[in-house]
Amino acid sequence: MTADHVFAALASPARRELLRLLLDEGAQPAGRLAERFDMSRPSVSEHLKVLRDAGLVAETRRGRERHYRLEAAPLMEIRDWLTPYERFWREKLADLTTLLDEMEDDDHAPRQDG
């Protein structure tokens, strides 16, 4: 799968919530996942299909039930892609902290009237 597929899958709040449920509660059947949403079961199934096609969930059949589990590998690829941006923002926040500290020091410095 490409990063584009993963980003497209993550664009939906419902799909992000499905991933969160699978992360927090582990593998579970589609029916149990569908109960957590205010949408039809076929709609939830379509969201699960998008996640499966993006490689973010795996599906196994147990009798008539389909069970889904989180597959984190595509998220690791996205994390790797985002890492340089995280460093960028960390540096910007450090610069802001330095600036604010300097401003605070200036506010506490004795004033000299000329």
PDB file of N, CA and C in Angstrom:
ATOM      1  N   MET A   1       0.833  -1.184   0.000  1.00  0.00           N
ATOM      2  CA  MET A   1       0.000   0.000   0.000  1.00  0.00           C
ATOM      3  C   MET A   1       0.876   1.246   0.000  1.00  0.00           C
ATOM      4  N   THR A   2       0.343   2.277  -0.587  1.00  0.00           N
ATOM      5  CA  THR A   2       1.075   3.533  -0.609  1.00  0.00           C
ATOM      6  C   THR A   2       0.627   4.416   0.551  1.00  0.00           C
ATOM      7  N   ALA A   3       1.462   5.394   0.844  1.00  0.00           N
ATOM      8  CA  ALA A   3       1.110   6.348   1.901  1.00  0.00           C
ATOM      9  C   ALA A   3      -0.183   7.065   1.555  1.00  0.00           C
ATOM     10  N   ASP A   4      -0.433   7.304   0.258  1.00  0.00           N
ATOM     11  CA  ASP A   4      -1.669   7.974  -0.153  1.00  0.00           C
ATOM     12  C   ASP A   4      -2.897   7.184   0.294  1.00  0.00           C
ATOM     13  N   HIS A   5      -2.843   5.852   0.171  1.00  0.00           N
ATOM     14  CA  HIS A   5      -3.970   5.020   0.600  1.00  0.00           C
ATOM     15  C   HIS A   5      -4.180   5.119   2.111  1.00  0.00           C
ATOM     16  N   VAL A   6      -3.076   5.128   2.833  1.00  0.00           N
ATOM     17  CA  VAL A   6      -3.177   5.211   4.293  1.00  0.00           C
ATOM     18  C   VAL A   6      -3.744   6.563   4.705  1.00  0.00           C
ATOM     19  N   PHE A   7      -3.210   7.643   4.121  1.00  0.00           N
ATOM     20  CA  PHE A   7      -3.736   8.974   4.453  1.00  0.00           C
ATOM     21  C   PHE A   7      -5.215   9.085   4.087  1.00  0.00           C
ATOM     22  N   ALA A   8      -5.604   8.543   2.952  1.00  0.00           N
ATOM     23  CA  ALA A   8      -7.017   8.594   2.547  1.00  0.00           C
ATOM     24  C   ALA A   8      -7.882   7.829   3.548  1.00  0.00           C
ATOM     25  N   ALA A   9      -7.391   6.687   4.001  1.00  0.00           N
ATOM     26  CA  ALA A   9      -8.152   5.901   4.977  1.00  0.00           C
ATOM     27  C   ALA A   9      -8.268   6.650   6.303  1.00  0.00           C
ATOM     28  N   LEU A  10      -7.207   7.337   6.694  1.00  0.00           N
ATOM     29  CA  LEU A  10      -7.211   8.062   7.964  1.00  0.00           C
ATOM     30  C   LEU A  10      -7.990   9.369   7.909  1.00  0.00           C
ATOM     31  N   ALA A  11      -8.393   9.788   6.724  1.00  0.00           N
ATOM     32  CA  ALA A  11      -9.109  11.058   6.573  1.00  0.00           C
ATOM     33  C   ALA A  11     -10.487  11.029   7.229  1.00  0.00           C
ATOM     34  N   SER A  12     -11.062   9.865   7.388  1.00  0.00           N
ATOM     35  CA  SER A  12     -12.405   9.744   7.947  1.00  0.00           C
ATOM     36  C   SER A  12     -12.369   9.607   9.469  1.00  0.00           C
ATOM     37  N   PRO A  13     -13.109  10.449  10.192  1.00  0.00           N
ATOM     38  CA  PRO A  13     -13.178  10.299  11.653  1.00  0.00           C
ATOM     39  C   PRO A  13     -13.712   8.929  12.075  1.00  0.00           C
ATOM     40  N   ALA A  14     -14.647   8.383  11.314  1.00  0.00           N
ATOM     41  CA  ALA A  14     -15.201   7.067  11.661  1.00  0.00           C
ATOM     42  C   ALA A  14     -14.118   5.994  11.560  1.00  0.00           C
ATOM     43  N   ARG A  15     -13.281   6.075  10.541  1.00  0.00           N
ATOM     44  CA  ARG A  15     -12.212   5.082  10.392  1.00  0.00           C
ATOM     45  C   ARG A  15     -11.146   5.258  11.477  1.00  0.00           C
ATOM     46  N   ARG A  16     -10.848   6.499  11.836  1.00  0.00           N
ATOM     47  CA  ARG A  16      -9.894   6.715  12.932  1.00  0.00           C
ATOM     48  C   ARG A  16     -10.454   6.151  14.236  1.00  0.00           C
ATOM     49  N   GLU A  17     -11.753   6.287  14.449  1.00  0.00           N
ATOM     50  CA  GLU A  17     -12.374   5.739  15.654  1.00  0.00           C
ATOM     51  C   GLU A  17     -12.340   4.209  15.626  1.00  0.00           C
ATOM     52  N   LEU A  18     -12.565   3.610  14.473  1.00  0.00           N
ATOM     53  CA  LEU A  18     -12.455   2.153  14.363  1.00  0.00           C
ATOM     54  C   LEU A  18     -11.046   1.697  14.740  1.00  0.00           C
ATOM     55  N   LEU A  19     -10.037   2.394  14.252  1.00  0.00           N
ATOM     56  CA  LEU A  19      -8.660   2.036  14.593  1.00  0.00           C
ATOM     57  C   LEU A  19      -8.413   2.196  16.096  1.00  0.00           C
ATOM     58  N   ARG A  20      -8.948   3.268  16.675  1.00  0.00           N
ATOM     59  CA  ARG A  20      -8.783   3.483  18.111  1.00  0.00           C
ATOM     60  C   ARG A  20      -9.415   2.349  18.910  1.00  0.00           C
ATOM     61  N   LEU A  21     -10.617   1.937  18.501  1.00  0.00           N
ATOM     62  CA  LEU A  21     -11.292   0.836  19.188  1.00  0.00           C
ATOM     63  C   LEU A  21     -10.463  -0.442  19.103  1.00  0.00           C
ATOM     64  N   LEU A  22      -9.929  -0.725  17.941  1.00  0.00           N
ATOM     65  CA  LEU A  22      -9.117  -1.930  17.782  1.00  0.00           C
ATOM     66  C   LEU A  22      -7.820  -1.831  18.578  1.00  0.00           C
ATOM     67  N   LEU A  23      -7.263  -0.651  18.677  1.00  0.00           N
ATOM     68  CA  LEU A  23      -6.060  -0.455  19.475  1.00  0.00           C
ATOM     69  C   LEU A  23      -6.370  -0.654  20.959  1.00  0.00           C
ATOM     70  N   ASP A  24      -7.416  -0.007  21.435  1.00  0.00           N
ATOM     71  CA  ASP A  24      -7.752  -0.031  22.866  1.00  0.00           C
ATOM     72  C   ASP A  24      -8.332  -1.364  23.325  1.00  0.00           C
ATOM     73  N   GLU A  25      -9.132  -1.994  22.457  1.00  0.00           N
ATOM     74  CA  GLU A  25      -9.897  -3.165  22.899  1.00  0.00           C
ATOM     75  C   GLU A  25      -9.487  -4.460  22.211  1.00  0.00           C
ATOM     76  N   GLY A  26      -8.579  -4.382  21.266  1.00  0.00           N
ATOM     77  CA  GLY A  26      -8.118  -5.585  20.588  1.00  0.00           C
ATOM     78  C   GLY A  26      -9.065  -6.025  19.485  1.00  0.00           C
ATOM     79  N   ALA A  27      -8.712  -7.147  18.878  1.00  0.00           N
ATOM     80  CA  ALA A  27      -9.482  -7.691  17.761  1.00  0.00           C
ATOM     81  C   ALA A  27     -10.915  -7.969  18.198  1.00  0.00           C
ATOM     82  N   GLN A  28     -11.835  -7.723  17.268  1.00  0.00           N
ATOM     83  CA  GLN A  28     -13.237  -7.971  17.563  1.00  0.00           C
ATOM     84  C   GLN A  28     -14.042  -8.146  16.283  1.00  0.00           C
ATOM     85  N   PRO A  29     -15.218  -8.733  16.421  1.00  0.00           N
ATOM     86  CA  PRO A  29     -16.059  -8.943  15.236  1.00  0.00           C
ATOM     87  C   PRO A  29     -16.649  -7.632  14.716  1.00  0.00           C
ATOM     88  N   ALA A  30     -16.939  -7.632  13.429  1.00  0.00           N
ATOM     89  CA  ALA A  30     -17.506  -6.447  12.782  1.00  0.00           C
ATOM     90  C   ALA A  30     -18.799  -6.008  13.466  1.00  0.00           C
ATOM     91  N   GLY A  31     -19.619  -6.958  13.868  1.00  0.00           N
ATOM     92  CA  GLY A  31     -20.883  -6.619  14.524  1.00  0.00           C
ATOM     93  C   GLY A  31     -20.695  -5.833  15.799  1.00  0.00           C
ATOM     94  N   ARG A  32     -19.722  -6.224  16.607  1.00  0.00           N
ATOM     95  CA  ARG A  32     -19.463  -5.501  17.858  1.00  0.00           C
ATOM     96  C   ARG A  32     -18.949  -4.094  17.562  1.00  0.00           C
ATOM     97  N   LEU A  33     -18.105  -3.965  16.541  1.00  0.00           N
ATOM     98  CA  LEU A  33     -17.627  -2.637  16.145  1.00  0.00           C
ATOM     99  C   LEU A  33     -18.790  -1.772  15.665  1.00  0.00           C
ATOM    100  N   ALA A  34     -19.677  -2.364  14.852  1.00  0.00           N
ATOM    101  CA  ALA A  34     -20.798  -1.618  14.283  1.00  0.00           C
ATOM    102  C   ALA A  34     -21.736  -1.090  15.368  1.00  0.00           C
ATOM    103  N   GLU A  35     -21.865  -1.836  16.468  1.00  0.00           N
ATOM    104  CA  GLU A  35     -22.738  -1.399  17.566  1.00  0.00           C
ATOM    105  C   GLU A  35     -22.289  -0.075  18.173  1.00  0.00           C
ATOM    106  N   ARG A  36     -21.042   0.272  18.002  1.00  0.00           N
ATOM    107  CA  ARG A  36     -20.483   1.478  18.614  1.00  0.00           C
ATOM    108  C   ARG A  36     -20.742   2.746  17.798  1.00  0.00           C
ATOM    109  N   PHE A  37     -21.352   2.592  16.634  1.00  0.00           N
ATOM    110  CA  PHE A  37     -21.534   3.724  15.723  1.00  0.00           C
ATOM    111  C   PHE A  37     -23.001   3.977  15.445  1.00  0.00           C
ATOM    112  N   ASP A  38     -23.300   5.227  15.188  1.00  0.00           N
ATOM    113  CA  ASP A  38     -24.655   5.626  14.826  1.00  0.00           C
ATOM    114  C   ASP A  38     -24.762   5.643  13.302  1.00  0.00           C
ATOM    115  N   MET A  39     -24.510   4.470  12.709  1.00  0.00           N
ATOM    116  CA  MET A  39     -24.642   4.312  11.262  1.00  0.00           C
ATOM    117  C   MET A  39     -24.968   2.851  11.002  1.00  0.00           C
ATOM    118  N   SER A  40     -25.395   2.572   9.805  1.00  0.00           N
ATOM    119  CA  SER A  40     -25.789   1.207   9.483  1.00  0.00           C
ATOM    120  C   SER A  40     -24.585   0.274   9.498  1.00  0.00           C
ATOM    121  N   ARG A  41     -24.844  -0.987   9.727  1.00  0.00           N
ATOM    122  CA  ARG A  41     -23.771  -1.985   9.721  1.00  0.00           C
ATOM    123  C   ARG A  41     -23.067  -2.040   8.362  1.00  0.00           C
ATOM    124  N   PRO A  42     -23.808  -1.963   7.234  1.00  0.00           N
ATOM    125  CA  PRO A  42     -23.112  -1.943   5.941  1.00  0.00           C
ATOM    126  C   PRO A  42     -22.168  -0.744   5.798  1.00  0.00           C
ATOM    127  N   SER A  43     -22.526   0.398   6.382  1.00  0.00           N
ATOM    128  CA  SER A  43     -21.634   1.563   6.332  1.00  0.00           C
ATOM    129  C   SER A  43     -20.354   1.299   7.111  1.00  0.00           C
ATOM    130  N   VAL A  44     -20.486   0.710   8.286  1.00  0.00           N
ATOM    131  CA  VAL A  44     -19.304   0.369   9.084  1.00  0.00           C
ATOM    132  C   VAL A  44     -18.459  -0.649   8.324  1.00  0.00           C
ATOM    133  N   SER A  45     -19.115  -1.615   7.697  1.00  0.00           N
ATOM    134  CA  SER A  45     -18.383  -2.613   6.910  1.00  0.00           C
ATOM    135  C   SER A  45     -17.612  -1.965   5.772  1.00  0.00           C
ATOM    136  N   GLU A  46     -18.189  -0.947   5.159  1.00  0.00           N
ATOM    137  CA  GLU A  46     -17.490  -0.244   4.082  1.00  0.00           C
ATOM    138  C   GLU A  46     -16.252   0.483   4.637  1.00  0.00           C
ATOM    139  N   HIS A  47     -16.385   1.085   5.798  1.00  0.00           N
ATOM    140  CA  HIS A  47     -15.224   1.730   6.431  1.00  0.00           C
ATOM    141  C   HIS A  47     -14.141   0.692   6.744  1.00  0.00           C
ATOM    142  N   LEU A  48     -14.554  -0.472   7.242  1.00  0.00           N
ATOM    143  CA  LEU A  48     -13.591  -1.530   7.532  1.00  0.00           C
ATOM    144  C   LEU A  48     -12.902  -2.012   6.257  1.00  0.00           C
ATOM    145  N   LYS A  49     -13.634  -2.054   5.158  1.00  0.00           N
ATOM    146  CA  LYS A  49     -13.044  -2.456   3.873  1.00  0.00           C
ATOM    147  C   LYS A  49     -11.971  -1.456   3.447  1.00  0.00           C
ATOM    148  N   VAL A  50     -12.247  -0.177   3.599  1.00  0.00           N
ATOM    149  CA  VAL A  50     -11.250   0.845   3.245  1.00  0.00           C
ATOM    150  C   VAL A  50     -10.001   0.668   4.105  1.00  0.00           C
ATOM    151  N   LEU A  51     -10.192   0.438   5.401  1.00  0.00           N
ATOM    152  CA  LEU A  51      -9.055   0.221   6.292  1.00  0.00           C
ATOM    153  C   LEU A  51      -8.284  -1.044   5.907  1.00  0.00           C
ATOM    154  N   ARG A  52      -9.008  -2.082   5.538  1.00  0.00           N
ATOM    155  CA  ARG A  52      -8.365  -3.338   5.117  1.00  0.00           C
ATOM    156  C   ARG A  52      -7.575  -3.124   3.834  1.00  0.00           C
ATOM    157  N   ASP A  53      -8.177  -2.425   2.873  1.00  0.00           N
ATOM    158  CA  ASP A  53      -7.499  -2.168   1.598  1.00  0.00           C
ATOM    159  C   ASP A  53      -6.245  -1.324   1.782  1.00  0.00           C
ATOM    160  N   ALA A  54      -6.233  -0.470   2.812  1.00  0.00           N
ATOM    161  CA  ALA A  54      -5.062   0.355   3.109  1.00  0.00           C
ATOM    162  C   ALA A  54      -4.032  -0.403   3.941  1.00  0.00           C
ATOM    163  N   GLY A  55      -4.366  -1.618   4.343  1.00  0.00           N
ATOM    164  CA  GLY A  55      -3.451  -2.430   5.137  1.00  0.00           C
ATOM    165  C   GLY A  55      -3.456  -2.097   6.614  1.00  0.00           C
ATOM    166  N   LEU A  56      -4.436  -1.317   7.069  1.00  0.00           N
ATOM    167  CA  LEU A  56      -4.483  -0.883   8.468  1.00  0.00           C
ATOM    168  C   LEU A  56      -5.196  -1.867   9.390  1.00  0.00           C
ATOM    169  N   VAL A  57      -6.015  -2.733   8.819  1.00  0.00           N
ATOM    170  CA  VAL A  57      -6.643  -3.796   9.599  1.00  0.00           C
ATOM    171  C   VAL A  57      -6.533  -5.098   8.813  1.00  0.00           C
ATOM    172  N   ALA A  58      -6.551  -6.188   9.554  1.00  0.00           N
ATOM    173  CA  ALA A  58      -6.583  -7.521   8.944  1.00  0.00           C
ATOM    174  C   ALA A  58      -7.910  -8.162   9.324  1.00  0.00           C
ATOM    175  N   GLU A  59      -8.407  -8.982   8.438  1.00  0.00           N
ATOM    176  CA  GLU A  59      -9.702  -9.632   8.640  1.00  0.00           C
ATOM    177  C   GLU A  59      -9.506 -11.144   8.664  1.00  0.00           C
ATOM    178  N   THR A  60     -10.145 -11.785   9.633  1.00  0.00           N
ATOM    179  CA  THR A  60     -10.191 -13.250   9.658  1.00  0.00           C
ATOM    180  C   THR A  60     -11.640 -13.658   9.844  1.00  0.00           C
ATOM    181  N   ARG A  61     -11.980 -14.757   9.238  1.00  0.00           N
ATOM    182  CA  ARG A  61     -13.349 -15.270   9.364  1.00  0.00           C
ATOM    183  C   ARG A  61     -13.382 -16.369  10.404  1.00  0.00           C
ATOM    184  N   ARG A  62     -14.386 -16.277  11.259  1.00  0.00           N
ATOM    185  CA  ARG A  62     -14.646 -17.317  12.262  1.00  0.00           C
ATOM    186  C   ARG A  62     -16.116 -17.678  12.113  1.00  0.00           C
ATOM    187  N   GLY A  63     -16.349 -18.739  11.412  1.00  0.00           N
ATOM    188  CA  GLY A  63     -17.732 -19.097  11.099  1.00  0.00           C
ATOM    189  C   GLY A  63     -18.329 -18.025  10.206  1.00  0.00           C
ATOM    190  N   ARG A  64     -19.443 -17.465  10.626  1.00  0.00           N
ATOM    191  CA  ARG A  64     -20.087 -16.413   9.831  1.00  0.00           C
ATOM    192  C   ARG A  64     -19.571 -15.019  10.170  1.00  0.00           C
ATOM    193  N   GLU A  65     -18.777 -14.916  11.223  1.00  0.00           N
ATOM    194  CA  GLU A  65     -18.297 -13.601  11.667  1.00  0.00           C
ATOM    195  C   GLU A  65     -16.959 -13.247  11.021  1.00  0.00           C
ATOM    196  N   ARG A  66     -16.798 -11.947  10.799  1.00  0.00           N
ATOM    197  CA  ARG A  66     -15.515 -11.411  10.367  1.00  0.00           C
ATOM    198  C   ARG A  66     -14.928 -10.662  11.554  1.00  0.00           C
ATOM    199  N   HIS A  67     -13.733 -11.038  11.929  1.00  0.00           N
ATOM    200  CA  HIS A  67     -13.038 -10.388  13.036  1.00  0.00           C
ATOM    201  C   HIS A  67     -11.935  -9.510  12.456  1.00  0.00           C
ATOM    202  N   TYR A  68     -11.786  -8.353  13.068  1.00  0.00           N
ATOM    203  CA  TYR A  68     -10.792  -7.383  12.594  1.00  0.00           C
ATOM    204  C   TYR A  68      -9.784  -7.108  13.689  1.00  0.00           C
ATOM    205  N   ARG A  69      -8.541  -6.927  13.266  1.00  0.00           N
ATOM    206  CA  ARG A  69      -7.477  -6.542  14.185  1.00  0.00           C
ATOM    207  C   ARG A  69      -6.634  -5.457  13.523  1.00  0.00           C
ATOM    208  N   LEU A  70      -6.044  -4.633  14.354  1.00  0.00           N
ATOM    209  CA  LEU A  70      -5.205  -3.530  13.900  1.00  0.00           C
ATOM    210  C   LEU A  70      -3.903  -4.065  13.308  1.00  0.00           C
ATOM    211  N   GLU A  71      -3.489  -3.473  12.209  1.00  0.00           N
ATOM    212  CA  GLU A  71      -2.188  -3.743  11.602  1.00  0.00           C
ATOM    213  C   GLU A  71      -1.418  -2.428  11.622  1.00  0.00           C
ATOM    214  N   ALA A  72      -0.382  -2.346  12.433  1.00  0.00           N
ATOM    215  CA  ALA A  72       0.291  -1.069  12.670  1.00  0.00           C
ATOM    216  C   ALA A  72       1.380  -0.730  11.658  1.00  0.00           C
ATOM    217  N   ALA A  73       1.824  -1.677  10.843  1.00  0.00           N
ATOM    218  CA  ALA A  73       2.955  -1.422   9.940  1.00  0.00           C
ATOM    219  C   ALA A  73       2.752  -0.186   9.062  1.00  0.00           C
ATOM    220  N   PRO A  74       1.589  -0.004   8.433  1.00  0.00           N
ATOM    221  CA  PRO A  74       1.420   1.211   7.616  1.00  0.00           C
ATOM    222  C   PRO A  74       1.520   2.494   8.434  1.00  0.00           C
ATOM    223  N   LEU A  75       1.117   2.442   9.694  1.00  0.00           N
ATOM    224  CA  LEU A  75       1.219   3.624  10.557  1.00  0.00           C
ATOM    225  C   LEU A  75       2.680   3.942  10.858  1.00  0.00           C
ATOM    226  N   MET A  76       3.516   2.925  10.920  1.00  0.00           N
ATOM    227  CA  MET A  76       4.948   3.153  11.138  1.00  0.00           C
ATOM    228  C   MET A  76       5.548   3.879   9.935  1.00  0.00           C
ATOM    229  N   GLU A  77       5.113   3.522   8.740  1.00  0.00           N
ATOM    230  CA  GLU A  77       5.600   4.211   7.544  1.00  0.00           C
ATOM    231  C   GLU A  77       5.191   5.685   7.563  1.00  0.00           C
ATOM    232  N   ILE A  78       3.970   5.961   7.996  1.00  0.00           N
ATOM    233  CA  ILE A  78       3.493   7.340   8.094  1.00  0.00           C
ATOM    234  C   ILE A  78       4.300   8.080   9.164  1.00  0.00           C
ATOM    235  N   ARG A  79       4.550   7.400  10.284  1.00  0.00           N
ATOM    236  CA  ARG A  79       5.361   8.014  11.335  1.00  0.00           C
ATOM    237  C   ARG A  79       6.740   8.389  10.799  1.00  0.00           C
ATOM    238  N   ASP A  80       7.344   7.494  10.041  1.00  0.00           N
ATOM    239  CA  ASP A  80       8.661   7.771   9.466  1.00  0.00           C
ATOM    240  C   ASP A  80       8.599   8.980   8.542  1.00  0.00           C
ATOM    241  N   TRP A  81       7.515   9.094   7.783  1.00  0.00           N
ATOM    242  CA  TRP A  81       7.345  10.223   6.874  1.00  0.00           C
ATOM    243  C   TRP A  81       7.169  11.529   7.649  1.00  0.00           C
ATOM    244  N   LEU A  82       6.477  11.464   8.785  1.00  0.00           N
ATOM    245  CA  LEU A  82       6.185  12.653   9.580  1.00  0.00           C
ATOM    246  C   LEU A  82       7.349  13.101  10.468  1.00  0.00           C
ATOM    247  N   THR A  83       8.302  12.239  10.725  1.00  0.00           N
ATOM    248  CA  THR A  83       9.387  12.542  11.655  1.00  0.00           C
ATOM    249  C   THR A  83      10.106  13.857  11.355  1.00  0.00           C
ATOM    250  N   PRO A  84      10.487  14.150  10.101  1.00  0.00           N
ATOM    251  CA  PRO A  84      11.149  15.437   9.860  1.00  0.00           C
ATOM    252  C   PRO A  84      10.274  16.637  10.223  1.00  0.00           C
ATOM    253  N   TYR A  85       8.985  16.520  10.045  1.00  0.00           N
ATOM    254  CA  TYR A  85       8.072  17.610  10.397  1.00  0.00           C
ATOM    255  C   TYR A  85       7.970  17.766  11.908  1.00  0.00           C
ATOM    256  N   GLU A  86       8.026  16.654  12.610  1.00  0.00           N
ATOM    257  CA  GLU A  86       8.004  16.710  14.073  1.00  0.00           C
ATOM    258  C   GLU A  86       9.248  17.453  14.569  1.00  0.00           C
ATOM    259  N   ARG A  87      10.412  17.143  13.991  1.00  0.00           N
ATOM    260  CA  ARG A  87      11.638  17.851  14.377  1.00  0.00           C
ATOM    261  C   ARG A  87      11.506  19.341  14.085  1.00  0.00           C
ATOM    262  N   PHE A  88      10.927  19.673  12.925  1.00  0.00           N
ATOM    263  CA  PHE A  88      10.723  21.075  12.549  1.00  0.00           C
ATOM    264  C   PHE A  88       9.923  21.804  13.623  1.00  0.00           C
ATOM    265  N   TRP A  89       8.791  21.237  14.038  1.00  0.00           N
ATOM    266  CA  TRP A  89       7.939  21.891  15.021  1.00  0.00           C
ATOM    267  C   TRP A  89       8.573  21.919  16.393  1.00  0.00           C
ATOM    268  N   ARG A  90       9.326  20.872  16.736  1.00  0.00           N
ATOM    269  CA  ARG A  90      10.026  20.877  18.009  1.00  0.00           C
ATOM    270  C   ARG A  90      11.028  22.026  18.062  1.00  0.00           C
ATOM    271  N   GLU A  91      11.768  22.249  16.972  1.00  0.00           N
ATOM    272  CA  GLU A  91      12.718  23.359  16.904  1.00  0.00           C
ATOM    273  C   GLU A  91      12.003  24.705  16.984  1.00  0.00           C
ATOM    274  N   LYS A  92      10.871  24.839  16.287  1.00  0.00           N
ATOM    275  CA  LYS A  92      10.121  26.093  16.343  1.00  0.00           C
ATOM    276  C   LYS A  92       9.624  26.374  17.751  1.00  0.00           C
ATOM    277  N   LEU A  93       9.140  25.358  18.445  1.00  0.00           N
ATOM    278  CA  LEU A  93       8.663  25.550  19.818  1.00  0.00           C
ATOM    279  C   LEU A  93       9.819  25.890  20.756  1.00  0.00           C
ATOM    280  N   ALA A  94      10.977  25.281  20.518  1.00  0.00           N
ATOM    281  CA  ALA A  94      12.147  25.622  21.337  1.00  0.00           C
ATOM    282  C   ALA A  94      12.536  27.080  21.104  1.00  0.00           C
ATOM    283  N   ASP A  95      12.489  27.522  19.845  1.00  0.00           N
ATOM    284  CA  ASP A  95      12.786  28.930  19.540  1.00  0.00           C
ATOM    285  C   ASP A  95      11.794  29.854  20.230  1.00  0.00           C
ATOM    286  N   LEU A  96      10.525  29.481  20.227  1.00  0.00           N
ATOM    287  CA  LEU A  96       9.501  30.287  20.886  1.00  0.00           C
ATOM    288  C   LEU A  96       9.745  30.344  22.398  1.00  0.00           C
ATOM    289  N   THR A  97      10.095  29.218  22.976  1.00  0.00           N
ATOM    290  CA  THR A  97      10.395  29.189  24.410  1.00  0.00           C
ATOM    291  C   THR A  97      11.559  30.115  24.729  1.00  0.00           C
ATOM    292  N   THR A  98      12.603  30.072  23.904  1.00  0.00           N
ATOM    293  CA  THR A  98      13.753  30.950  24.106  1.00  0.00           C
ATOM    294  C   THR A  98      13.329  32.414  24.021  1.00  0.00           C
ATOM    295  N   LEU A  99      12.541  32.751  23.018  1.00  0.00           N
ATOM    296  CA  LEU A  99      12.069  34.123  22.853  1.00  0.00           C
ATOM    297  C   LEU A  99      11.248  34.569  24.056  1.00  0.00           C
ATOM    298  N   LEU A 100      10.345  33.729  24.521  1.00  0.00           N
ATOM    299  CA  LEU A 100       9.514  34.081  25.681  1.00  0.00           C
ATOM    300  C   LEU A 100      10.364  34.248  26.933  1.00  0.00           C
ATOM    301  N   ASP A 101      11.378  33.397  27.097  1.00  0.00           N
ATOM    302  CA  ASP A 101      12.277  33.534  28.246  1.00  0.00           C
ATOM    303  C   ASP A 101      13.031  34.852  28.183  1.00  0.00           C
ATOM    304  N   GLU A 102      13.486  35.227  26.999  1.00  0.00           N
ATOM    305  CA  GLU A 102      14.194  36.497  26.835  1.00  0.00           C
ATOM    306  C   GLU A 102      13.278  37.674  27.130  1.00  0.00           C
ATOM    307  N   MET A 103      12.037  37.578  26.670  1.00  0.00           N
ATOM    308  CA  MET A 103      11.081  38.659  26.931  1.00  0.00           C
ATOM    309  C   MET A 103      10.807  38.782  28.431  1.00  0.00           C
ATOM    310  N   GLU A 104      10.698  37.645  29.105  1.00  0.00           N
ATOM    311  CA  GLU A 104      10.457  37.658  30.550  1.00  0.00           C
ATOM    312  C   GLU A 104      11.654  38.270  31.270  1.00  0.00           C
ATOM    313  N   ASP A 105      12.860  37.921  30.838  1.00  0.00           N
ATOM    314  CA  ASP A 105      14.059  38.508  31.441  1.00  0.00           C
ATOM    315  C   ASP A 105      14.073  40.019  31.242  1.00  0.00           C
ATOM    316  N   ASP A 106      13.678  40.477  30.064  1.00  0.00           N
ATOM    317  CA  ASP A 106      13.628  41.908  29.790  1.00  0.00           C
ATOM    318  C   ASP A 106      12.611  42.608  30.689  1.00  0.00           C
ATOM    319  N   ASP A 107      11.502  41.956  30.950  1.00  0.00           N
ATOM    320  CA  ASP A 107      10.475  42.539  31.822  1.00  0.00           C
ATOM    321  C   ASP A 107      10.943  42.672  33.262  1.00  0.00           C
ATOM    322  N   HIS A 108      11.850  41.806  33.696  1.00  0.00           N
ATOM    323  CA  HIS A 108      12.322  41.824  35.084  1.00  0.00           C
ATOM    324  C   HIS A 108      13.639  42.601  35.233  1.00  0.00           C
ATOM    325  N   ALA A 109      14.208  43.031  34.173  1.00  0.00           N
ATOM    326  CA  ALA A 109      15.466  43.787  34.252  1.00  0.00           C
ATOM    327  C   ALA A 109      15.188  45.183  34.775  1.00  0.00           C
ATOM    328  N   PRO A 110      16.123  45.699  35.578  1.00  0.00           N
ATOM    329  CA  PRO A 110      15.929  47.076  36.067  1.00  0.00           C
ATOM    330  C   PRO A 110      15.922  48.059  34.901  1.00  0.00           C
ATOM    331  N   ARG A 111      15.027  48.984  34.974  1.00  0.00           N
ATOM    332  CA  ARG A 111      14.915  49.977  33.895  1.00  0.00           C
ATOM    333  C   ARG A 111      15.856  51.129  34.178  1.00  0.00           C
ATOM    334  N   GLN A 112      16.441  51.612  33.131  1.00  0.00           N
ATOM    335  CA  GLN A 112      17.331  52.758  33.248  1.00  0.00           C
ATOM    336  C   GLN A 112      16.672  53.920  32.546  1.00  0.00           C
ATOM    337  N   ASP A 113      16.403  54.954  33.303  1.00  0.00           N
ATOM    338  CA  ASP A 113      15.815  56.156  32.701  1.00  0.00           C
ATOM    339  C   ASP A 113      16.949  57.067  32.319  1.00  0.00           C
ATOM    340  N   GLY A 114      16.878  57.544  31.107  1.00  0.00           N
ATOM    341  CA  GLY A 114      17.976  58.353  30.600  1.00  0.00           C
ATOM    342  C   GLY A 114      17.728  59.760  30.564  1.00  0.00           C
TER     343      GLY A 114
END
